Amino acid sequence: MGRRRGGERAVERVDTGEAELLPDADRPGSWTLLLDGAPQSHVDLTDPTHLEFEYVRRLAAALDLVAPEGVPLRVLHLGGGALTLPRYLAATRPGSTSRVVEVDGALVELVRRALPWPAQARIRVRVADAREVVATTPDAAYDVVVADVFAGARTPAHLTSVEYAAEVARVLRPEGWYLANLADGPPLRYARAQVATVRAVLPRACLVADAAVLRGRRYGNLVLVAGREEPPVAALTRRAAGDWFPGRVLAGAELDRFVGGATVVQDAGATASTPPPPGLFSVRR
């Protein structure tokens, strides 16, 4: 699995940098995957419903609420990592189909070898660029598209434009949903522009995040839920309020105020997401 640095920690070079697997001292069978020192995924091999990262719990809450309980979903995951959400979906909605797109083939092989997913789970992984896969996907093929793509702790520019969002909207069924992990910090220009951009094609939306992040006080993750129908704002609000780290949901007029005068991002002017502050992802060794 690569060279070891004591205990069961393992380090391996992958296509996009250095991957490190850290065992969770508090949860046997659980691992954190880091890429170039940034925590990328946490997975519990014995209990895939345990979700350590705050933003992943918010994405999972949206997956729980966009369809009746237990109904299988067909989901396209842009960004693979350790496949935390596909494993969660297989456990909570048996019969669901997860198609995962991950650009880093060596990372996929590391996860397949070190953190294998259940054979009965309907999870298929394709090594490819996320936008290229979306562009070649048939119309109305998915119930949900989940975007959680980072390269060097930033979302690539070509996954931030309205042209990209229009392709995502095309591959969603009419009642489908787009869930996106947006990482940003003060003054939240990137997040505001992303909400404006996605709402240009999927106009019904809400945003879930920690109150300090929404107020522009610190860098963090914001989860965007967007579709053609009204999102389950009340239920998402209850879930966010009851989380280990309570969050807020912005919708309607509050979301309009958050967006303000942000302009829609076009391919020609697209840039990668805001980089995290130096030292944000330091991990105790």
C-alpha atoms as a PDB file:
ATOM      1  CA  MET A   1       0.000   0.000   0.000  1.00  0.00           C
ATOM      2  CA  GLY A   2       3.019   2.266  -0.069  1.00  0.00           C
ATOM      3  CA  ARG A   3       5.491   3.308   2.568  1.00  0.00           C
ATOM      4  CA  ARG A   4       4.374   3.420   6.184  1.00  0.00           C
ATOM      5  CA  ARG A   5       5.123   5.969   8.859  1.00  0.00           C
ATOM      6  CA  GLY A   6       4.381   4.002  11.984  1.00  0.00           C
ATOM      7  CA  GLY A   7       1.212   2.232  13.042  1.00  0.00           C
ATOM      8  CA  GLU A   8      -1.129   1.552  10.168  1.00  0.00           C
ATOM      9  CA  ARG A   9      -0.781   4.938   8.492  1.00  0.00           C
ATOM     10  CA  ALA A  10       0.036   4.572   4.815  1.00  0.00           C
ATOM     11  CA  VAL A  11       1.278   7.000   2.187  1.00  0.00           C
ATOM     12  CA  GLU A  12       1.135   6.471  -1.557  1.00  0.00           C
ATOM     13  CA  ARG A  13       1.816   8.623  -4.575  1.00  0.00           C
ATOM     14  CA  VAL A  14      -1.248   8.986  -6.815  1.00  0.00           C
ATOM     15  CA  ASP A  15      -1.840  10.879 -10.046  1.00  0.00           C
ATOM     16  CA  THR A  16      -2.836  14.162  -8.383  1.00  0.00           C
ATOM     17  CA  GLY A  17      -0.400  14.216  -5.470  1.00  0.00           C
ATOM     18  CA  GLU A  18       0.329  12.333  -2.271  1.00  0.00           C
ATOM     19  CA  ALA A  19      -2.479  10.284  -0.741  1.00  0.00           C
ATOM     20  CA  GLU A  20      -2.374   9.356   2.926  1.00  0.00           C
ATOM     21  CA  LEU A  21      -4.649   6.989   4.820  1.00  0.00           C
ATOM     22  CA  LEU A  22      -4.938   7.659   8.547  1.00  0.00           C
ATOM     23  CA  PRO A  23      -6.696   5.171  10.851  1.00  0.00           C
ATOM     24  CA  ASP A  24      -9.304   6.741  13.140  1.00  0.00           C
ATOM     25  CA  ALA A  25      -8.182   6.070  16.709  1.00  0.00           C
ATOM     26  CA  ASP A  26     -11.736   6.552  18.000  1.00  0.00           C
ATOM     27  CA  ARG A  27     -13.532   4.322  15.490  1.00  0.00           C
ATOM     28  CA  PRO A  28     -12.016   0.950  14.561  1.00  0.00           C
ATOM     29  CA  GLY A  29     -12.413   0.278  10.847  1.00  0.00           C
ATOM     30  CA  SER A  30     -12.558   3.988  10.018  1.00  0.00           C
ATOM     31  CA  TRP A  31     -10.089   5.926   7.901  1.00  0.00           C
ATOM     32  CA  THR A  32      -9.408   9.469   6.794  1.00  0.00           C
ATOM     33  CA  LEU A  33      -8.071   9.976   3.277  1.00  0.00           C
ATOM     34  CA  LEU A  34      -5.869  13.025   2.757  1.00  0.00           C
ATOM     35  CA  LEU A  35      -4.552  14.408  -0.523  1.00  0.00           C
ATOM     36  CA  ASP A  36      -1.458  16.579  -0.194  1.00  0.00           C
ATOM     37  CA  GLY A  37      -2.312  17.053   3.475  1.00  0.00           C
ATOM     38  CA  ALA A  38      -5.939  18.143   2.961  1.00  0.00           C
ATOM     39  CA  PRO A  39      -8.617  15.856   4.453  1.00  0.00           C
ATOM     40  CA  GLN A  40     -10.586  14.569   1.473  1.00  0.00           C
ATOM     41  CA  SER A  41     -12.790  11.768   2.817  1.00  0.00           C
ATOM     42  CA  HIS A  42     -13.612   9.876   5.979  1.00  0.00           C
ATOM     43  CA  VAL A  43     -15.106   6.412   5.686  1.00  0.00           C
ATOM     44  CA  ASP A  44     -16.285   3.883   8.279  1.00  0.00           C
ATOM     45  CA  LEU A  45     -16.027   0.452   6.677  1.00  0.00           C
ATOM     46  CA  THR A  46     -18.196  -1.143   9.389  1.00  0.00           C
ATOM     47  CA  ASP A  47     -20.899   1.543   9.440  1.00  0.00           C
ATOM     48  CA  PRO A  48     -21.207   3.538   6.204  1.00  0.00           C
ATOM     49  CA  THR A  49     -23.992   5.640   7.739  1.00  0.00           C
ATOM     50  CA  HIS A  50     -21.481   7.245  10.109  1.00  0.00           C
ATOM     51  CA  LEU A  51     -20.427  10.510   8.472  1.00  0.00           C
ATOM     52  CA  GLU A  52     -17.592  12.373  10.147  1.00  0.00           C
ATOM     53  CA  PHE A  53     -17.370  15.478   7.977  1.00  0.00           C
ATOM     54  CA  GLU A  54     -19.939  18.192   8.574  1.00  0.00           C
ATOM     55  CA  TYR A  55     -20.536  19.048   4.907  1.00  0.00           C
ATOM     56  CA  VAL A  56     -20.941  15.358   4.010  1.00  0.00           C
ATOM     57  CA  ARG A  57     -23.711  15.054   6.615  1.00  0.00           C
ATOM     58  CA  ARG A  58     -25.429  17.991   4.921  1.00  0.00           C
ATOM     59  CA  LEU A  59     -25.126  16.392   1.507  1.00  0.00           C
ATOM     60  CA  ALA A  60     -26.471  13.148   3.000  1.00  0.00           C
ATOM     61  CA  ALA A  61     -29.392  15.000   4.586  1.00  0.00           C
ATOM     62  CA  ALA A  62     -30.325  16.318   1.147  1.00  0.00           C
ATOM     63  CA  LEU A  63     -30.083  12.787  -0.295  1.00  0.00           C
ATOM     64  CA  ASP A  64     -32.363  11.597   2.509  1.00  0.00           C
ATOM     65  CA  LEU A  65     -34.970  14.282   1.884  1.00  0.00           C
ATOM     66  CA  VAL A  66     -35.253  14.703  -1.890  1.00  0.00           C
ATOM     67  CA  ALA A  67     -37.192  11.441  -2.273  1.00  0.00           C
ATOM     68  CA  PRO A  68     -39.394   9.300  -0.003  1.00  0.00           C
ATOM     69  CA  GLU A  69     -37.511   7.171   2.514  1.00  0.00           C
ATOM     70  CA  GLY A  70     -36.042   3.973   1.083  1.00  0.00           C
ATOM     71  CA  VAL A  71     -36.820   4.757  -2.563  1.00  0.00           C
ATOM     72  CA  PRO A  72     -33.763   3.833  -4.706  1.00  0.00           C
ATOM     73  CA  LEU A  73     -32.078   6.690  -6.524  1.00  0.00           C
ATOM     74  CA  ARG A  74     -29.876   6.874  -9.584  1.00  0.00           C
ATOM     75  CA  VAL A  75     -27.027   9.211  -8.648  1.00  0.00           C
ATOM     76  CA  LEU A  76     -24.043  10.604 -10.538  1.00  0.00           C
ATOM     77  CA  HIS A  77     -21.184  11.508  -8.175  1.00  0.00           C
ATOM     78  CA  LEU A  78     -18.644  13.947  -9.613  1.00  0.00           C
ATOM     79  CA  GLY A  79     -15.548  13.401  -7.506  1.00  0.00           C
ATOM     80  CA  GLY A  80     -14.881  10.063  -5.875  1.00  0.00           C
ATOM     81  CA  GLY A  81     -12.429  10.142  -2.995  1.00  0.00           C
ATOM     82  CA  ALA A  82     -13.106   7.230  -0.655  1.00  0.00           C
ATOM     83  CA  LEU A  83     -16.724   6.894  -1.926  1.00  0.00           C
ATOM     84  CA  THR A  84     -18.299   8.003   1.364  1.00  0.00           C
ATOM     85  CA  LEU A  85     -21.647   9.090  -0.105  1.00  0.00           C
ATOM     86  CA  PRO A  86     -22.035   6.156  -2.533  1.00  0.00           C
ATOM     87  CA  ARG A  87     -21.509   3.777   0.422  1.00  0.00           C
ATOM     88  CA  TYR A  88     -24.024   5.767   2.488  1.00  0.00           C
ATOM     89  CA  LEU A  89     -26.569   5.671  -0.332  1.00  0.00           C
ATOM     90  CA  ALA A  90     -26.185   1.903  -0.748  1.00  0.00           C
ATOM     91  CA  ALA A  91     -26.825   1.435   2.986  1.00  0.00           C
ATOM     92  CA  THR A  92     -29.774   3.822   3.330  1.00  0.00           C
ATOM     93  CA  ARG A  93     -31.484   3.314  -0.029  1.00  0.00           C
ATOM     94  CA  PRO A  94     -30.815  -0.302  -1.096  1.00  0.00           C
ATOM     95  CA  GLY A  95     -31.073  -0.777  -4.837  1.00  0.00           C
ATOM     96  CA  SER A  96     -29.748   2.697  -5.582  1.00  0.00           C
ATOM     97  CA  THR A  97     -27.235   3.054  -8.391  1.00  0.00           C
ATOM     98  CA  SER A  98     -24.146   5.215  -7.938  1.00  0.00           C
ATOM     99  CA  ARG A  99     -21.994   6.165 -10.890  1.00  0.00           C
ATOM    100  CA  VAL A 100     -18.788   7.791  -9.662  1.00  0.00           C
ATOM    101  CA  VAL A 101     -16.441   9.910 -11.784  1.00  0.00           C
ATOM    102  CA  GLU A 102     -12.907  10.378 -10.454  1.00  0.00           C
ATOM    103  CA  VAL A 103     -10.056  11.802 -12.526  1.00  0.00           C
ATOM    104  CA  ASP A 104      -7.297  10.148 -10.467  1.00  0.00           C
ATOM    105  CA  GLY A 105      -6.975   6.510 -11.544  1.00  0.00           C
ATOM    106  CA  ALA A 106      -4.231   5.701  -9.034  1.00  0.00           C
ATOM    107  CA  LEU A 107      -6.413   7.046  -6.225  1.00  0.00           C
ATOM    108  CA  VAL A 108      -9.295   4.841  -7.367  1.00  0.00           C
ATOM    109  CA  GLU A 109      -7.034   1.786  -7.247  1.00  0.00           C
ATOM    110  CA  LEU A 110      -5.771   2.728  -3.779  1.00  0.00           C
ATOM    111  CA  VAL A 111      -9.313   3.041  -2.437  1.00  0.00           C
ATOM    112  CA  ARG A 112     -10.399  -0.172  -4.176  1.00  0.00           C
ATOM    113  CA  ARG A 113      -7.495  -2.032  -2.579  1.00  0.00           C
ATOM    114  CA  ALA A 114      -7.328  -0.473   0.888  1.00  0.00           C
ATOM    115  CA  LEU A 115     -10.949   0.568   1.507  1.00  0.00           C
ATOM    116  CA  PRO A 116     -13.029  -1.869  -0.575  1.00  0.00           C
ATOM    117  CA  TRP A 117     -16.746  -1.271  -0.906  1.00  0.00           C
ATOM    118  CA  PRO A 118     -19.312  -4.093  -0.571  1.00  0.00           C
ATOM    119  CA  ALA A 119     -19.658  -6.254  -3.671  1.00  0.00           C
ATOM    120  CA  GLN A 120     -23.448  -6.018  -3.490  1.00  0.00           C
ATOM    121  CA  ALA A 121     -23.411  -2.210  -3.568  1.00  0.00           C
ATOM    122  CA  ARG A 122     -24.348  -0.906  -6.999  1.00  0.00           C
ATOM    123  CA  ILE A 123     -21.319   1.395  -7.230  1.00  0.00           C
ATOM    124  CA  ARG A 124     -19.373   1.804 -10.451  1.00  0.00           C
ATOM    125  CA  VAL A 125     -16.343   4.057 -10.770  1.00  0.00           C
ATOM    126  CA  ARG A 126     -15.121   5.624 -13.990  1.00  0.00           C
ATOM    127  CA  VAL A 127     -11.725   7.304 -14.305  1.00  0.00           C
ATOM    128  CA  ALA A 128     -12.387  10.443 -16.346  1.00  0.00           C
ATOM    129  CA  ASP A 129     -12.894  14.210 -16.221  1.00  0.00           C
ATOM    130  CA  ALA A 130     -16.203  15.131 -14.588  1.00  0.00           C
ATOM    131  CA  ARG A 131     -17.338  17.644 -17.191  1.00  0.00           C
ATOM    132  CA  GLU A 132     -16.476  15.365 -20.090  1.00  0.00           C
ATOM    133  CA  VAL A 133     -18.618  12.607 -18.571  1.00  0.00           C
ATOM    134  CA  VAL A 134     -21.539  14.967 -17.969  1.00  0.00           C
ATOM    135  CA  ALA A 135     -21.324  16.220 -21.560  1.00  0.00           C
ATOM    136  CA  THR A 136     -21.667  12.666 -22.935  1.00  0.00           C
ATOM    137  CA  THR A 137     -24.423  11.555 -20.547  1.00  0.00           C
ATOM    138  CA  PRO A 138     -27.942  11.112 -21.985  1.00  0.00           C
ATOM    139  CA  ASP A 139     -30.715  13.551 -21.103  1.00  0.00           C
ATOM    140  CA  ALA A 140     -32.689  12.961 -17.887  1.00  0.00           C
ATOM    141  CA  ALA A 141     -30.476  10.038 -16.850  1.00  0.00           C
ATOM    142  CA  TYR A 142     -30.167  10.780 -13.111  1.00  0.00           C
ATOM    143  CA  ASP A 143     -32.272  11.638 -10.084  1.00  0.00           C
ATOM    144  CA  VAL A 144     -29.379  13.436  -8.392  1.00  0.00           C
ATOM    145  CA  VAL A 145     -25.979  14.798  -9.400  1.00  0.00           C
ATOM    146  CA  VAL A 146     -23.543  15.357  -6.511  1.00  0.00           C
ATOM    147  CA  ALA A 147     -20.535  17.584  -7.202  1.00  0.00           C
ATOM    148  CA  ASP A 148     -17.611  17.385  -4.788  1.00  0.00           C
ATOM    149  CA  VAL A 149     -14.585  17.897  -7.028  1.00  0.00           C
ATOM    150  CA  PHE A 150     -11.343  19.382  -5.780  1.00  0.00           C
ATOM    151  CA  ALA A 151      -7.861  19.578  -7.250  1.00  0.00           C
ATOM    152  CA  GLY A 152      -5.284  21.057  -4.924  1.00  0.00           C
ATOM    153  CA  ALA A 153      -8.127  21.939  -2.484  1.00  0.00           C
ATOM    154  CA  ARG A 154      -9.879  23.995  -5.203  1.00  0.00           C
ATOM    155  CA  THR A 155     -12.762  23.201  -7.541  1.00  0.00           C
ATOM    156  CA  PRO A 156     -11.462  23.383 -11.139  1.00  0.00           C
ATOM    157  CA  ALA A 157     -12.621  26.370 -13.173  1.00  0.00           C
ATOM    158  CA  HIS A 158     -14.368  24.309 -15.867  1.00  0.00           C
ATOM    159  CA  LEU A 159     -16.797  23.010 -13.198  1.00  0.00           C
ATOM    160  CA  THR A 160     -17.930  26.475 -12.129  1.00  0.00           C
ATOM    161  CA  SER A 161     -19.587  27.925 -15.255  1.00  0.00           C
ATOM    162  CA  VAL A 162     -23.171  28.230 -16.425  1.00  0.00           C
ATOM    163  CA  GLU A 163     -22.320  26.103 -19.475  1.00  0.00           C
ATOM    164  CA  TYR A 164     -21.319  23.299 -17.097  1.00  0.00           C
ATOM    165  CA  ALA A 165     -24.432  23.868 -14.944  1.00  0.00           C
ATOM    166  CA  ALA A 166     -26.633  23.666 -18.041  1.00  0.00           C
ATOM    167  CA  GLU A 167     -25.146  20.260 -18.884  1.00  0.00           C
ATOM    168  CA  VAL A 168     -25.852  19.087 -15.325  1.00  0.00           C
ATOM    169  CA  ALA A 169     -29.444  20.317 -15.591  1.00  0.00           C
ATOM    170  CA  ARG A 170     -29.829  18.450 -18.871  1.00  0.00           C
ATOM    171  CA  VAL A 171     -28.817  15.084 -17.413  1.00  0.00           C
ATOM    172  CA  LEU A 172     -31.184  15.472 -14.446  1.00  0.00           C
ATOM    173  CA  ARG A 173     -34.718  14.171 -14.589  1.00  0.00           C
ATOM    174  CA  PRO A 174     -37.349  16.948 -14.411  1.00  0.00           C
ATOM    175  CA  GLU A 175     -37.758  16.377 -10.661  1.00  0.00           C
ATOM    176  CA  GLY A 176     -34.013  15.854 -10.144  1.00  0.00           C
ATOM    177  CA  TRP A 177     -31.575  17.644  -7.855  1.00  0.00           C
ATOM    178  CA  TYR A 178     -28.067  19.055  -8.020  1.00  0.00           C
ATOM    179  CA  LEU A 179     -26.076  18.956  -4.775  1.00  0.00           C
ATOM    180  CA  ALA A 180     -22.747  20.781  -4.697  1.00  0.00           C
ATOM    181  CA  ASN A 181     -20.056  21.252  -2.098  1.00  0.00           C
ATOM    182  CA  LEU A 182     -18.808  24.837  -2.338  1.00  0.00           C
ATOM    183  CA  ALA A 183     -15.724  25.816  -0.327  1.00  0.00           C
ATOM    184  CA  ASP A 184     -15.160  29.522   0.222  1.00  0.00           C
ATOM    185  CA  GLY A 185     -14.103  32.180   2.697  1.00  0.00           C
ATOM    186  CA  PRO A 186     -14.621  35.893   3.264  1.00  0.00           C
ATOM    187  CA  PRO A 187     -16.028  37.769   1.357  1.00  0.00           C
ATOM    188  CA  LEU A 188     -17.753  34.716  -0.236  1.00  0.00           C
ATOM    189  CA  ARG A 189     -17.531  36.013  -3.810  1.00  0.00           C
ATOM    190  CA  TYR A 190     -17.101  32.502  -5.190  1.00  0.00           C
ATOM    191  CA  ALA A 191     -20.084  31.036  -3.317  1.00  0.00           C
ATOM    192  CA  ARG A 192     -22.357  33.934  -4.266  1.00  0.00           C
ATOM    193  CA  ALA A 193     -21.383  33.622  -7.923  1.00  0.00           C
ATOM    194  CA  GLN A 194     -21.923  29.853  -7.852  1.00  0.00           C
ATOM    195  CA  VAL A 195     -25.441  30.198  -6.455  1.00  0.00           C
ATOM    196  CA  ALA A 196     -26.249  32.810  -9.129  1.00  0.00           C
ATOM    197  CA  THR A 197     -24.762  30.572 -11.837  1.00  0.00           C
ATOM    198  CA  VAL A 198     -26.591  27.386 -10.859  1.00  0.00           C
ATOM    199  CA  ARG A 199     -29.898  29.202 -10.313  1.00  0.00           C
ATOM    200  CA  ALA A 200     -29.708  30.451 -13.904  1.00  0.00           C
ATOM    201  CA  VAL A 201     -30.572  26.889 -14.988  1.00  0.00           C
ATOM    202  CA  LEU A 202     -31.960  25.264 -11.802  1.00  0.00           C
ATOM    203  CA  PRO A 203     -33.863  28.160 -10.240  1.00  0.00           C
ATOM    204  CA  ARG A 204     -35.191  26.600  -7.016  1.00  0.00           C
ATOM    205  CA  ALA A 205     -32.382  26.419  -4.487  1.00  0.00           C
ATOM    206  CA  CYS A 206     -31.196  26.667  -0.915  1.00  0.00           C
ATOM    207  CA  LEU A 207     -27.806  26.868   0.778  1.00  0.00           C
ATOM    208  CA  VAL A 208     -26.771  25.034   3.958  1.00  0.00           C
ATOM    209  CA  ALA A 209     -23.732  26.025   6.014  1.00  0.00           C
ATOM    210  CA  ASP A 210     -22.375  27.018   9.387  1.00  0.00           C
ATOM    211  CA  ALA A 211     -23.620  30.459  10.429  1.00  0.00           C
ATOM    212  CA  ALA A 212     -20.067  31.817  10.736  1.00  0.00           C
ATOM    213  CA  VAL A 213     -19.307  30.723   7.171  1.00  0.00           C
ATOM    214  CA  LEU A 214     -22.520  32.271   5.832  1.00  0.00           C
ATOM    215  CA  ARG A 215     -21.660  35.541   7.569  1.00  0.00           C
ATOM    216  CA  GLY A 216     -18.220  35.571   5.964  1.00  0.00           C
ATOM    217  CA  ARG A 217     -16.321  35.140   9.226  1.00  0.00           C
ATOM    218  CA  ARG A 218     -14.307  32.065   8.255  1.00  0.00           C
ATOM    219  CA  TYR A 219     -13.485  29.686   5.418  1.00  0.00           C
ATOM    220  CA  GLY A 220     -15.691  26.605   5.187  1.00  0.00           C
ATOM    221  CA  ASN A 221     -18.056  24.429   3.187  1.00  0.00           C
ATOM    222  CA  LEU A 222     -21.453  25.481   1.881  1.00  0.00           C
ATOM    223  CA  VAL A 223     -23.831  22.888   0.433  1.00  0.00           C
ATOM    224  CA  LEU A 224     -25.999  24.025  -2.471  1.00  0.00           C
ATOM    225  CA  VAL A 225     -29.254  22.170  -3.193  1.00  0.00           C
ATOM    226  CA  ALA A 226     -30.829  23.173  -6.522  1.00  0.00           C
ATOM    227  CA  GLY A 227     -33.548  21.887  -8.816  1.00  0.00           C
ATOM    228  CA  ARG A 228     -36.676  22.829 -10.726  1.00  0.00           C
ATOM    229  CA  GLU A 229     -38.983  22.335  -7.745  1.00  0.00           C
ATOM    230  CA  GLU A 230     -38.885  23.866  -4.275  1.00  0.00           C
ATOM    231  CA  PRO A 231     -36.262  22.154  -2.094  1.00  0.00           C
ATOM    232  CA  PRO A 232     -37.305  20.622   1.258  1.00  0.00           C
ATOM    233  CA  VAL A 233     -36.236  23.729   3.173  1.00  0.00           C
ATOM    234  CA  ALA A 234     -38.124  23.063   6.427  1.00  0.00           C
ATOM    235  CA  ALA A 235     -36.806  19.508   6.758  1.00  0.00           C
ATOM    236  CA  LEU A 236     -33.268  20.554   5.821  1.00  0.00           C
ATOM    237  CA  THR A 237     -33.461  23.341   8.406  1.00  0.00           C
ATOM    238  CA  ARG A 238     -34.406  20.847  11.130  1.00  0.00           C
ATOM    239  CA  ARG A 239     -31.594  18.512  10.135  1.00  0.00           C
ATOM    240  CA  ALA A 240     -29.039  21.347  10.035  1.00  0.00           C
ATOM    241  CA  ALA A 241     -30.138  22.697  13.412  1.00  0.00           C
ATOM    242  CA  GLY A 242     -29.863  19.251  15.004  1.00  0.00           C
ATOM    243  CA  ASP A 243     -26.407  18.472  13.647  1.00  0.00           C
ATOM    244  CA  TRP A 244     -23.339  18.021  15.899  1.00  0.00           C
ATOM    245  CA  PHE A 245     -22.276  21.410  14.509  1.00  0.00           C
ATOM    246  CA  PRO A 246     -25.560  23.273  13.893  1.00  0.00           C
ATOM    247  CA  GLY A 247     -25.973  25.012  10.562  1.00  0.00           C
ATOM    248  CA  ARG A 248     -28.354  27.418   8.868  1.00  0.00           C
ATOM    249  CA  VAL A 249     -30.366  27.175   5.658  1.00  0.00           C
ATOM    250  CA  LEU A 250     -30.798  30.145   3.336  1.00  0.00           C
ATOM    251  CA  ALA A 251     -33.702  30.105   0.879  1.00  0.00           C
ATOM    252  CA  GLY A 252     -36.093  32.515  -0.787  1.00  0.00           C
ATOM    253  CA  ALA A 253     -35.489  36.181   0.007  1.00  0.00           C
ATOM    254  CA  GLU A 254     -32.567  35.320   2.326  1.00  0.00           C
ATOM    255  CA  LEU A 255     -30.808  33.515  -0.494  1.00  0.00           C
ATOM    256  CA  ASP A 256     -31.526  36.409  -2.849  1.00  0.00           C
ATOM    257  CA  ARG A 257     -29.855  38.769  -0.378  1.00  0.00           C
ATOM    258  CA  PHE A 258     -26.896  36.425  -0.036  1.00  0.00           C
ATOM    259  CA  VAL A 259     -26.373  36.372  -3.819  1.00  0.00           C
ATOM    260  CA  GLY A 260     -26.743  40.153  -4.062  1.00  0.00           C
ATOM    261  CA  GLY A 261     -25.405  41.405  -7.375  1.00  0.00           C
ATOM    262  CA  ALA A 262     -23.227  38.377  -8.134  1.00  0.00           C
ATOM    263  CA  THR A 263     -22.965  37.696 -11.859  1.00  0.00           C
ATOM    264  CA  VAL A 264     -23.352  34.393 -13.643  1.00  0.00           C
ATOM    265  CA  VAL A 265     -20.014  32.737 -14.436  1.00  0.00           C
ATOM    266  CA  GLN A 266     -19.305  31.999 -18.111  1.00  0.00           C
ATOM    267  CA  ASP A 267     -16.698  29.547 -19.410  1.00  0.00           C
ATOM    268  CA  ALA A 268     -14.653  32.421 -20.792  1.00  0.00           C
ATOM    269  CA  GLY A 269     -14.178  34.015 -17.376  1.00  0.00           C
ATOM    270  CA  ALA A 270     -14.330  30.986 -15.066  1.00  0.00           C
ATOM    271  CA  THR A 271     -11.728  30.578 -12.333  1.00  0.00           C
ATOM    272  CA  ALA A 272     -11.047  27.876  -9.755  1.00  0.00           C
ATOM    273  CA  SER A 273     -12.643  28.197  -6.331  1.00  0.00           C
ATOM    274  CA  THR A 274     -11.104  30.213  -3.504  1.00  0.00           C
ATOM    275  CA  PRO A 275      -8.010  28.516  -2.033  1.00  0.00           C
ATOM    276  CA  PRO A 276      -8.115  27.687   1.683  1.00  0.00           C
ATOM    277  CA  PRO A 277      -6.067  29.788   4.100  1.00  0.00           C
ATOM    278  CA  PRO A 278      -2.534  28.486   4.758  1.00  0.00           C
ATOM    279  CA  GLY A 279      -2.425  25.909   7.546  1.00  0.00           C
ATOM    280  CA  LEU A 280      -6.169  25.271   7.575  1.00  0.00           C
ATOM    281  CA  PHE A 281      -5.774  21.553   6.937  1.00  0.00           C
ATOM    282  CA  SER A 282      -2.900  20.820   9.318  1.00  0.00           C
ATOM    283  CA  VAL A 283      -3.407  17.314  10.671  1.00  0.00           C
ATOM    284  CA  ARG A 284      -1.904  16.038  13.895  1.00  0.00           C
ATOM    285  CA  ARG A 285       0.623  13.269  13.168  1.00  0.00           C
END
